Protein backbone atom coordinates (compact mmCIF):
# COMPACT_ATOMS: atom_id res chain seq x y z
CA MET A 1 0.00 0.00 0.00
CA LYS A 2 1.27 3.48 -0.92
CA ILE A 3 2.01 5.91 1.87
CA ILE A 4 -1.02 8.16 2.29
CA LYS A 5 0.17 11.77 2.21
CA LYS A 6 -1.66 14.78 3.49
CA ILE A 7 -3.19 17.13 0.94
CA GLY A 8 -4.58 20.66 1.08
CA ILE A 9 -8.27 20.73 2.02
CA SER A 10 -10.08 23.87 3.20
CA GLY A 11 -6.86 25.73 3.90
CA ALA A 12 -4.95 23.04 5.81
CA ASP A 13 -2.93 19.90 5.08
CA VAL A 14 -4.87 16.87 6.27
CA TYR A 15 -5.18 13.20 5.44
CA PRO A 16 -7.41 12.66 2.37
CA ILE A 17 -10.11 10.99 4.44
CA VAL A 18 -13.47 12.74 4.62
CA GLU A 19 -16.43 11.80 6.78
CA GLY A 20 -19.66 11.61 4.81
CA GLY A 21 -22.29 13.99 6.18
CA LYS A 22 -25.38 11.93 6.99
CA GLY A 23 -28.69 13.38 8.17
CA VAL A 24 -30.78 13.44 10.25
CA GLY A 25 -28.17 13.64 13.00
CA VAL A 26 -26.18 10.52 12.00
CA SER A 27 -23.04 12.62 11.45
CA ASN A 28 -22.87 15.01 14.36
CA GLY A 29 -20.46 17.20 16.27
CA LEU A 30 -18.91 14.27 18.11
CA THR A 31 -18.16 12.26 14.96
CA ALA A 32 -16.97 15.29 13.01
CA GLY A 33 -14.73 16.42 15.84
CA ALA A 34 -13.22 12.93 16.17
CA PHE A 35 -12.36 12.75 12.46
CA ALA A 36 -10.80 16.21 12.62
CA ALA A 37 -8.83 15.28 15.74
CA ALA A 38 -7.33 12.42 13.71
CA ASP A 39 -6.04 15.00 11.18
CA ALA A 40 -8.78 14.13 8.69
CA VAL A 41 -11.98 15.95 7.65
CA GLY A 42 -15.00 15.64 9.90
CA THR A 43 -18.45 16.45 8.55
CA PHE A 44 -21.56 17.00 10.63
CA SER A 45 -24.99 17.09 9.07
CA GLY A 46 -26.75 20.44 8.98
CA THR A 47 -29.90 18.69 7.79
CA TYR A 48 -31.95 19.08 10.97
CA PRO A 49 -29.49 17.67 13.50
CA ASN A 50 -31.10 15.56 16.19
CA LEU A 51 -29.84 16.90 19.52
CA THR A 52 -30.63 15.99 23.10
CA CYS A 53 -31.87 18.62 25.51
CA GLU A 54 -28.56 18.50 27.38
CA GLU A 55 -26.63 19.39 24.22
CA LEU A 56 -28.94 22.33 23.63
CA ASP A 57 -28.85 23.53 27.27
CA GLY A 58 -32.61 23.64 27.24
CA PRO A 59 -35.76 22.07 25.81
CA SER A 60 -35.91 21.42 22.08
CA VAL A 61 -38.25 23.53 19.98
CA ARG A 62 -41.68 21.94 19.48
CA ARG A 63 -43.26 22.66 16.12
CA SER A 64 -46.67 23.69 17.39
CA GLU A 65 -47.57 26.13 14.60
CA LYS A 66 -50.89 25.45 12.91
CA THR A 67 -49.90 26.09 9.28
CA ARG A 68 -47.29 24.19 7.32
CA GLN A 69 -45.56 27.38 6.24
CA ASN A 70 -45.15 28.48 9.87
CA ARG A 71 -44.04 25.00 10.91
CA SER A 72 -41.48 25.06 8.08
CA LYS A 73 -40.07 28.37 9.30
CA GLN A 74 -39.95 27.10 12.87
CA LEU A 75 -38.17 23.94 11.72
CA ALA A 76 -35.57 25.96 9.81
CA ASP A 77 -34.94 28.15 12.87
CA GLU A 78 -34.54 25.03 14.97
CA GLY A 79 -32.16 23.53 12.39
CA ILE A 80 -29.97 26.65 12.48
CA ARG A 81 -29.81 26.62 16.26
CA GLU A 82 -29.02 22.91 16.44
CA SER A 83 -26.38 23.09 13.69
CA VAL A 84 -24.60 25.93 15.47
CA ALA A 85 -24.53 23.76 18.59
CA GLN A 86 -23.10 20.81 16.64
CA ALA A 87 -20.40 23.00 15.08
CA ARG A 88 -19.33 24.11 18.55
CA ILE A 89 -19.15 20.49 19.73
CA ALA A 90 -17.08 19.53 16.68
CA HIS A 91 -14.76 22.49 17.20
CA GLU A 92 -14.15 21.58 20.84
CA VAL A 93 -13.64 17.86 20.18
CA SER A 94 -11.21 18.52 17.32
CA GLY A 95 -8.82 20.43 19.54
CA GLY A 96 -8.02 22.70 16.60
CA ARG A 97 -6.76 19.86 14.41
CA GLY A 98 -8.01 18.71 11.02
CA ARG A 99 -10.92 20.36 9.24
CA ILE A 100 -14.61 20.66 10.11
CA HIS A 101 -17.18 20.62 7.30
CA MET A 102 -20.95 20.80 7.32
CA ASN A 103 -23.14 18.90 4.88
CA ILE A 104 -26.60 20.17 4.00
CA LEU A 105 -29.26 18.99 1.59
CA TRP A 106 -29.97 21.74 -0.95
CA GLY A 107 -33.41 20.20 -1.39
CA LEU A 108 -34.41 21.41 2.08
CA ALA A 109 -36.96 24.14 2.52
CA LYS A 110 -35.12 27.40 3.20
CA ALA A 111 -31.73 25.75 2.61
CA GLU A 112 -30.17 29.08 1.62
CA ILE A 113 -31.51 30.78 4.75
CA MET A 114 -30.26 27.91 6.90
CA VAL A 115 -26.72 27.96 5.47
CA ASP A 116 -26.58 31.73 5.97
CA GLY A 117 -27.82 31.48 9.54
CA ILE A 118 -25.49 28.64 10.48
CA LEU A 119 -22.38 30.28 9.03
CA SER A 120 -23.18 33.59 10.68
CA GLY A 121 -23.25 31.86 14.07
CA THR A 122 -20.14 29.71 13.65
CA LYS A 123 -17.40 32.02 12.41
CA GLY A 124 -14.06 30.21 12.44
CA MET A 125 -15.59 26.85 13.34
CA ILE A 126 -16.75 25.55 9.94
CA HIS A 127 -14.07 25.35 7.25
CA GLY A 128 -16.14 23.97 4.39
CA ILE A 129 -19.72 23.42 3.22
CA THR A 130 -20.66 20.27 1.33
CA CYS A 131 -23.95 20.43 -0.54
CA GLY A 132 -25.92 18.23 -2.92
CA ALA A 133 -29.39 16.90 -3.74
CA GLY A 134 -30.17 19.62 -6.23
CA MET A 135 -28.24 22.29 -8.11
CA PRO A 136 -26.89 24.64 -5.40
CA TYR A 137 -26.01 27.61 -7.61
CA LYS A 138 -26.09 30.09 -4.70
CA LEU A 139 -23.80 27.99 -2.49
CA ALA A 140 -20.76 29.80 -3.88
CA GLU A 141 -22.18 33.24 -3.04
CA LEU A 142 -22.81 32.16 0.55
CA ALA A 143 -19.29 30.75 0.77
CA GLU A 144 -17.90 34.06 -0.48
CA LYS A 145 -19.93 36.01 2.07
CA TYR A 146 -18.38 34.04 4.94
CA LYS A 147 -15.01 33.22 3.32
CA THR A 148 -15.71 29.50 3.66
CA TYR A 149 -14.71 26.79 1.20
CA PHE A 150 -17.51 25.06 -0.67
CA TYR A 151 -17.81 21.52 -2.02
CA PRO A 152 -20.62 20.76 -4.47
CA ILE A 153 -21.75 17.13 -4.68
CA VAL A 154 -22.22 15.95 -8.27
CA SER A 155 -22.73 12.60 -9.96
CA SER A 156 -21.30 13.52 -13.36
CA MET A 157 -19.03 15.93 -15.19
CA ARG A 158 -22.08 17.36 -16.92
CA ALA A 159 -23.65 18.43 -13.60
CA PHE A 160 -20.48 20.19 -12.49
CA ASN A 161 -20.13 21.87 -15.89
CA ILE A 162 -23.57 23.43 -15.43
CA LEU A 163 -22.74 24.65 -11.91
CA TRP A 164 -19.35 25.98 -13.02
CA THR A 165 -20.68 27.84 -16.06
CA ARG A 166 -23.64 29.40 -14.30
CA SER A 167 -22.06 30.32 -10.97
CA TYR A 168 -18.90 28.73 -9.64
CA ASN A 169 -16.44 30.17 -12.18
CA ARG A 170 -16.74 33.50 -10.35
CA PHE A 171 -15.78 31.99 -6.99
CA SER A 172 -13.08 29.48 -7.92
CA HIS A 173 -10.76 30.71 -5.15
CA LEU A 174 -13.11 29.18 -2.57
CA LEU A 175 -13.97 25.98 -4.46
CA GLY A 176 -12.32 23.59 -2.02
CA GLY A 177 -13.07 20.48 -4.04
CA VAL A 178 -15.67 18.67 -6.10
CA VAL A 179 -17.35 15.66 -4.51
CA TYR A 180 -18.09 12.95 -7.04
CA GLU A 181 -20.82 10.89 -5.35
CA ASP A 182 -21.34 7.69 -7.29
CA PRO A 183 -25.09 7.37 -7.98
CA TRP A 184 -25.02 3.56 -7.85
CA LEU A 185 -22.81 3.08 -4.79
CA ALA A 186 -23.51 5.89 -2.33
CA GLY A 187 -25.96 5.65 0.54
CA GLY A 188 -28.88 7.97 1.06
CA HIS A 189 -30.16 10.07 -1.84
CA ASN A 190 -28.37 9.55 -5.14
CA GLY A 191 -28.11 11.65 -8.29
CA LEU A 192 -29.13 9.18 -10.97
CA SER A 193 -30.24 10.98 -14.12
CA ASN A 194 -33.07 9.89 -16.36
CA LYS A 195 -30.50 8.66 -18.89
CA GLU A 196 -28.82 6.30 -16.40
CA ASN A 197 -30.08 2.82 -15.63
CA PRO A 198 -30.32 2.20 -11.87
CA LEU A 199 -29.77 -1.51 -12.50
CA VAL A 200 -26.61 -1.07 -14.60
CA PRO A 201 -23.84 0.57 -12.55
CA GLU A 202 -20.93 2.23 -14.32
CA ASP A 203 -17.28 2.13 -13.27
CA PRO A 204 -16.58 5.35 -11.32
CA TYR A 205 -12.97 5.68 -12.56
CA PRO A 206 -13.72 6.88 -16.13
CA ARG A 207 -16.50 9.14 -14.82
CA VAL A 208 -14.09 10.77 -12.35
CA ALA A 209 -11.35 10.97 -15.00
CA LYS A 210 -13.81 12.82 -17.24
CA LEU A 211 -14.64 15.20 -14.40
CA ARG A 212 -10.92 15.80 -13.78
CA ALA A 213 -10.28 16.51 -17.46
CA PHE A 214 -12.97 19.20 -17.40
CA MET A 215 -11.61 20.67 -14.15
CA ASN A 216 -8.10 20.83 -15.57
CA GLY A 217 -9.46 22.61 -18.63
CA VAL A 218 -10.94 25.43 -16.54
CA GLY A 219 -7.92 25.98 -14.30
CA LEU A 220 -8.82 23.63 -11.41
CA LYS A 221 -5.84 21.31 -11.77
CA GLU A 222 -4.93 21.57 -8.08
CA THR A 223 -8.49 21.38 -6.77
CA PRO A 224 -9.16 17.95 -5.22
CA VAL A 225 -11.81 15.54 -6.37
CA VAL A 226 -13.46 13.74 -3.46
CA MET A 227 -14.51 10.21 -4.36
CA ALA A 228 -17.70 9.31 -2.47
CA GLY A 229 -19.80 6.18 -2.57
CA GLY A 230 -18.55 2.62 -2.30
CA VAL A 231 -15.33 3.52 -0.47
CA TRP A 232 -14.53 0.84 2.11
CA ASN A 233 -10.73 1.12 2.28
CA LEU A 234 -7.98 2.99 0.45
CA LYS A 235 -6.10 -0.07 -0.76
CA GLU A 236 -8.80 -0.67 -3.36
CA TYR A 237 -8.20 2.85 -4.68
CA GLU A 238 -4.40 2.70 -4.66
CA HIS A 239 -4.30 3.14 -8.46
CA TRP A 240 -6.16 6.46 -8.04
CA ILE A 241 -3.51 7.92 -5.73
CA ASP A 242 -0.68 9.91 -7.40
CA ASN A 243 -2.39 9.25 -10.74
CA PRO A 244 -2.23 12.29 -13.10
CA GLU A 245 -5.46 11.20 -14.77
CA ILE A 246 -7.26 11.62 -11.43
CA GLY A 247 -5.11 14.36 -9.90
CA PRO A 248 -5.41 15.41 -6.25
CA VAL A 249 -7.95 13.09 -4.66
CA ALA A 250 -9.56 12.47 -1.29
CA PHE A 251 -11.96 9.73 -0.23
CA GLN A 252 -15.27 10.17 1.54
CA LEU A 253 -16.68 7.42 3.73
CA GLY A 254 -20.32 7.53 4.76
CA THR A 255 -21.31 3.96 5.61
CA ARG A 256 -18.23 2.70 7.41
CA PRO A 257 -18.25 5.36 10.19
CA LEU A 258 -21.71 4.11 11.22
CA LEU A 259 -20.07 1.29 13.15
CA THR A 260 -17.82 3.32 15.44
CA LYS A 261 -17.92 4.13 19.14
CA GLU A 262 -18.75 7.79 18.45
CA SER A 263 -21.53 6.99 15.98
CA PRO A 264 -24.87 8.13 17.46
CA ILE A 265 -26.97 5.41 15.82
CA SER A 266 -28.63 2.89 18.12
CA ASP A 267 -27.15 -0.45 19.14
CA ALA A 268 -29.98 -2.15 17.21
CA TRP A 269 -28.91 -0.37 14.02
CA LYS A 270 -25.25 -1.21 14.64
CA GLN A 271 -26.09 -4.87 15.15
CA LYS A 272 -28.19 -4.85 11.97
CA LEU A 273 -25.14 -3.73 10.00
CA ARG A 274 -23.26 -6.86 11.11
CA THR A 275 -25.90 -9.14 9.56
CA LEU A 276 -26.32 -7.59 6.11
CA LYS A 277 -25.87 -9.46 2.86
CA LYS A 278 -25.15 -7.77 -0.47
CA GLU A 279 -28.73 -8.25 -1.66
CA ASP A 280 -30.10 -6.52 1.46
CA ILE A 281 -29.11 -3.05 0.18
CA PHE A 282 -30.49 -1.55 -2.99
CA LEU A 283 -31.78 1.54 -4.74
CA ASN A 284 -35.42 2.53 -4.53
CA LYS A 285 -37.52 5.52 -5.54
CA PHE A 286 -40.00 5.85 -2.69
CA SER A 287 -38.40 8.98 -1.21
CA PRO A 288 -40.61 12.10 -1.05
CA THR A 289 -37.69 14.00 -2.61
CA SER A 290 -38.25 12.02 -5.85
CA PHE A 291 -34.53 11.11 -5.85
CA TYR A 292 -33.37 7.53 -5.89
CA SER A 293 -32.00 6.42 -2.53
CA SER A 294 -30.01 3.47 -1.21
CA ALA A 295 -31.29 1.80 1.93
CA ILE A 296 -31.53 -1.48 3.84
CA ASN A 297 -34.43 -3.69 2.88
CA ASN A 298 -36.08 -4.02 6.27
CA ALA A 299 -39.77 -4.12 7.16
CA PHE A 300 -40.09 -0.40 6.36
CA LEU A 301 -39.04 -0.79 2.72
CA SER A 302 -40.84 -4.12 2.34
CA GLU A 303 -44.12 -2.46 3.32
CA LEU A 304 -43.57 0.29 0.76
CA TYR A 305 -42.93 -2.29 -1.95
CA ASP A 306 -46.00 -4.28 -0.97
CA ARG A 307 -48.08 -1.11 -0.84
CA SER A 308 -47.07 -0.08 -4.35
CA THR A 309 -48.12 -3.46 -5.79
CA ARG A 310 -51.73 -2.83 -4.76
CA GLN A 311 -52.55 -0.18 -7.33
CA ILE A 312 -54.46 -0.20 -10.59
CA GLU A 313 -54.87 2.31 -13.39
CA TYR A 314 -58.13 4.22 -13.66
CA LYS A 315 -59.95 6.73 -15.88
CA ASP A 316 -62.54 9.30 -14.88
CA ALA A 317 -64.81 8.39 -17.81
CA PRO A 318 -65.56 4.92 -19.17
CA ASP A 319 -64.29 3.63 -22.51
CA ALA A 320 -64.05 0.27 -24.27
CA HIS A 321 -61.36 -1.01 -21.90
CA PHE A 322 -61.95 0.95 -18.69
CA CYS A 323 -65.57 -0.02 -18.29
CA GLU A 324 -65.97 -1.32 -14.71
CA PRO A 325 -67.13 1.31 -12.18
CA LEU A 326 -65.17 1.56 -8.94
CA THR A 327 -66.32 3.74 -6.05
CA LEU A 328 -63.45 5.29 -4.15
CA SER A 329 -63.78 4.91 -0.40
CA SER A 330 -61.81 8.11 0.20
CA THR A 331 -64.09 10.43 -1.79
CA ARG A 332 -67.13 8.26 -2.76
CA LYS A 333 -66.52 9.28 -6.36
CA THR A 334 -66.72 6.73 -9.17
CA VAL A 335 -63.84 5.98 -11.51
CA TYR A 336 -63.51 3.31 -14.19
CA VAL A 337 -61.03 0.43 -14.32
CA GLU A 338 -60.38 -2.58 -16.49
CA PRO A 339 -62.35 -5.77 -15.64
CA ASP A 340 -59.28 -7.76 -14.57
CA ASP A 341 -58.17 -4.91 -12.33
CA TRP A 342 -61.66 -4.64 -10.84
CA ALA A 343 -61.43 -8.31 -9.86
CA ARG A 344 -58.02 -7.69 -8.25
CA SER A 345 -59.40 -4.74 -6.31
CA GLU A 346 -62.24 -6.89 -4.96
CA ALA A 347 -59.73 -9.50 -3.79
CA TRP A 348 -57.68 -6.80 -2.03
CA ARG A 349 -60.81 -5.47 -0.32
CA GLU A 350 -61.59 -8.93 0.99
CA GLU A 351 -58.04 -9.15 2.38
CA GLY A 352 -58.62 -5.97 4.39
CA PHE A 353 -57.24 -3.35 2.01
CA SER A 354 -60.55 -1.55 1.90
CA VAL A 355 -59.43 2.09 1.58
CA SER A 356 -58.91 3.24 -2.01
CA ILE A 357 -56.99 6.48 -2.69
CA LYS A 358 -55.91 8.15 -5.91
CA THR A 359 -52.21 8.69 -6.63
CA PRO A 360 -50.61 11.41 -8.82
CA ASP A 361 -50.10 8.83 -11.61
CA SER A 362 -53.76 8.08 -12.36
CA THR A 363 -53.75 4.93 -10.30
CA VAL A 364 -55.82 3.86 -7.31
CA LEU A 365 -53.94 2.53 -4.27
CA PHE A 366 -55.52 0.11 -1.80
CA LEU A 367 -54.68 0.37 1.90
CA THR A 368 -55.85 -0.96 5.24
CA LYS A 369 -57.82 1.50 7.34
CA GLU A 370 -54.98 1.68 9.86
CA LYS A 371 -52.32 2.44 7.23
CA ALA A 372 -54.56 5.03 5.59
CA ARG A 373 -55.02 6.77 8.95
CA HIS A 374 -51.26 6.82 9.54
CA ILE A 375 -50.59 8.28 6.10
CA GLN A 376 -53.27 10.94 6.43
CA LYS A 377 -52.01 11.90 9.90
CA ASP A 378 -48.41 12.25 8.65
CA GLN A 379 -49.56 14.32 5.69
CA SER A 380 -51.67 16.63 7.84
CA GLU A 381 -48.79 17.12 10.31
CA CYS A 382 -46.25 17.95 7.55
CA SER A 383 -43.53 20.25 8.89
CA GLY A 384 -42.49 21.51 5.46
CA CYS A 385 -38.96 20.13 5.80
CA LEU A 386 -38.31 19.79 2.05
CA ALA A 387 -38.36 22.39 -0.69
CA GLY A 388 -40.89 20.16 -2.42
CA CYS A 389 -42.49 17.03 -0.97
CA ARG A 390 -44.08 14.35 -3.09
CA PHE A 391 -45.68 12.70 -0.04
CA SER A 392 -47.59 15.70 1.33
CA GLY A 393 -47.80 17.94 -1.74
CA TRP A 394 -45.94 20.71 0.15
CA LEU A 395 -43.93 23.26 -1.83
CA ASP A 396 -41.83 25.96 -0.16
CA SER A 397 -43.18 28.73 -2.36
CA GLU A 398 -45.64 31.45 -1.44
CA GLU A 399 -46.08 32.17 -5.14
CA HIS A 400 -47.53 28.67 -5.63
CA ARG A 401 -49.52 28.82 -2.38
CA TYR A 402 -47.23 26.24 -0.80
CA VAL A 403 -48.50 23.33 -2.87
CA THR A 404 -46.82 21.39 -5.66
CA GLY A 405 -50.01 21.24 -7.69
CA LEU A 406 -49.82 17.45 -7.66
CA ARG A 407 -51.92 15.07 -5.61
CA PRO A 408 -50.11 13.98 -2.41
CA ASP A 409 -48.56 10.57 -3.04
CA PRO A 410 -49.63 7.84 -0.56
CA ARG A 411 -46.92 5.53 -1.96
CA SER A 412 -44.22 7.63 -0.26
CA TYR A 413 -43.59 8.55 3.40
CA CYS A 414 -42.70 11.36 5.83
CA ILE A 415 -38.92 11.34 5.64
CA LEU A 416 -38.30 13.64 8.62
CA LYS A 417 -40.40 11.49 10.94
CA THR A 418 -38.79 8.19 10.02
CA LEU A 419 -35.22 9.54 10.11
CA GLN A 420 -35.80 11.09 13.51
CA ARG A 421 -37.23 7.84 14.83
CA VAL A 422 -34.47 5.61 13.47
CA ILE A 423 -31.69 7.76 14.94
CA GLN A 424 -33.44 7.44 18.32
CA GLY A 425 -33.52 3.67 17.95
CA ILE A 426 -37.32 3.41 17.89
CA ASN A 427 -38.21 0.06 16.27
CA VAL A 428 -35.48 0.34 13.65
CA GLU A 429 -36.83 -2.54 11.56
CA HIS A 430 -39.86 -0.41 10.79
CA GLU A 431 -38.01 2.82 10.00
CA LEU A 432 -35.86 3.94 7.06
CA MET A 433 -32.22 2.83 7.39
CA PHE A 434 -30.02 4.42 4.73
CA SER A 435 -26.87 2.52 3.74
CA GLY A 436 -24.31 2.62 0.99
CA SER A 437 -23.95 -0.38 -1.30
CA ILE A 438 -20.99 -1.67 0.74
CA GLY A 439 -22.86 -1.97 4.05
CA TYR A 440 -22.77 -5.74 3.78
CA ARG A 441 -18.97 -5.72 4.13
CA PHE A 442 -19.11 -5.32 7.92
CA ALA A 443 -20.10 -8.98 8.18
CA GLY A 444 -16.99 -10.27 6.43
CA ASP A 445 -14.29 -7.84 7.56
CA PRO A 446 -12.07 -9.31 10.30
CA PHE A 447 -11.59 -5.79 11.69
CA TYR A 448 -15.09 -6.10 13.15
CA ALA A 449 -14.76 -9.70 14.37
CA ASN A 450 -15.94 -10.71 17.84
CA GLY A 451 -18.20 -7.70 18.11
CA HIS A 452 -15.38 -5.16 17.82
CA ILE A 453 -16.50 -1.56 17.36
CA PRO A 454 -13.57 0.79 16.70
CA SER A 455 -13.21 4.40 17.67
CA ILE A 456 -13.01 6.90 14.81
CA SER A 457 -9.34 7.43 15.60
CA GLU A 458 -8.76 3.69 15.26
CA LEU A 459 -10.70 3.61 12.00
CA VAL A 460 -8.61 6.43 10.52
CA ARG A 461 -5.37 4.64 11.46
CA ARG A 462 -6.72 1.48 9.82
CA LEU A 463 -7.56 3.39 6.65
CA LEU A 464 -4.11 4.96 6.48
CA CYS A 465 -2.65 1.44 6.46
CA GLY A 466 -4.92 0.49 3.58
CA GLY A 467 -7.38 -1.60 5.57
């Protein structure tokens, strides 16, 4: 294994190991500070950190506002306050070593306001902002305002080209690096385009080489590329290091830090990671963000899959094929379906799936009364956490009256609720558990044998040796 040398990241020489910023609260001030203390890059999530009352020195904000727009504002204010607290924790734990970054989802409601508020309250504590899940054109302007390095997350050269041409070329002095997050390998939300097949992964090397060639062509030869997604150890990427076709490179790990002593996830989640097989982790498109995401196939995902199989196409007026009337239990209105589908719907009703609800795709979904109540409750209690939510129909836009214009989609879920519950360890089998494609490797790696859970410092030392 080659000797891993320090490289320049966010104004300091550190090891090219970057913590992936995982929300909600999975990467926090403790984990970020520990990575930085090991002379690497720690990243806490600014996507609604999940803090205890003790960390906040007082009770957490309760979103008691009656309207979604007011709840959304209250949630953003809470996110700013909590992120400032996490940055302070990271700064203290780091002891002034390494670098501290914050990751935030650009697809959040009021993401720009949140970044501005967090940076204004953490001067000197946050060295870089990592941002993806959308096209964060204004990220560079915010970085310039606070003299902070910025790191866009992209899944292709084409995406970075658009960002560079429209905005980033004016702020290249603060472009700390470009994070290539592989859309087939990374955990959480992934940037698969409509032209890419989710079932046919591409080799990341030529995609990163293409990105590097573009960066070199616009004067970014010394700007690092951060490889994210599928990174388990550095030995497997030895041919990337000191390779002129790749240039300066760092490696971001999101999944592997989950199983560390500092990781805030529950013991149940940590034990689940030890049991995974390769086929237990895969891409799905149930997220209310409408992005693909990579997660563990537990009872939560299984229920979503089962739910989506109980839907049939309908039309509002009968024709030669859609000729069987079907009365919707949710509205008592009549729609028309094909005879075979009508027979299927009757069978589902007999099995207890008696509630029929329209989806945005001109289908009717069949649910149990209990599941329908849960969905309707979650939709009515929407906190407006996303810029646009497929599940609730919320849109963070006064101009559009805070609605997407599409029917709320009962095939999706409240992402804030499930991520808050899973980080608290509440019945993790029935909550969303994000994982990168390599999550199954915990089970076979001798480093984790006999129940061993390393500290982050120990993990960094292991990585520097190639393991």
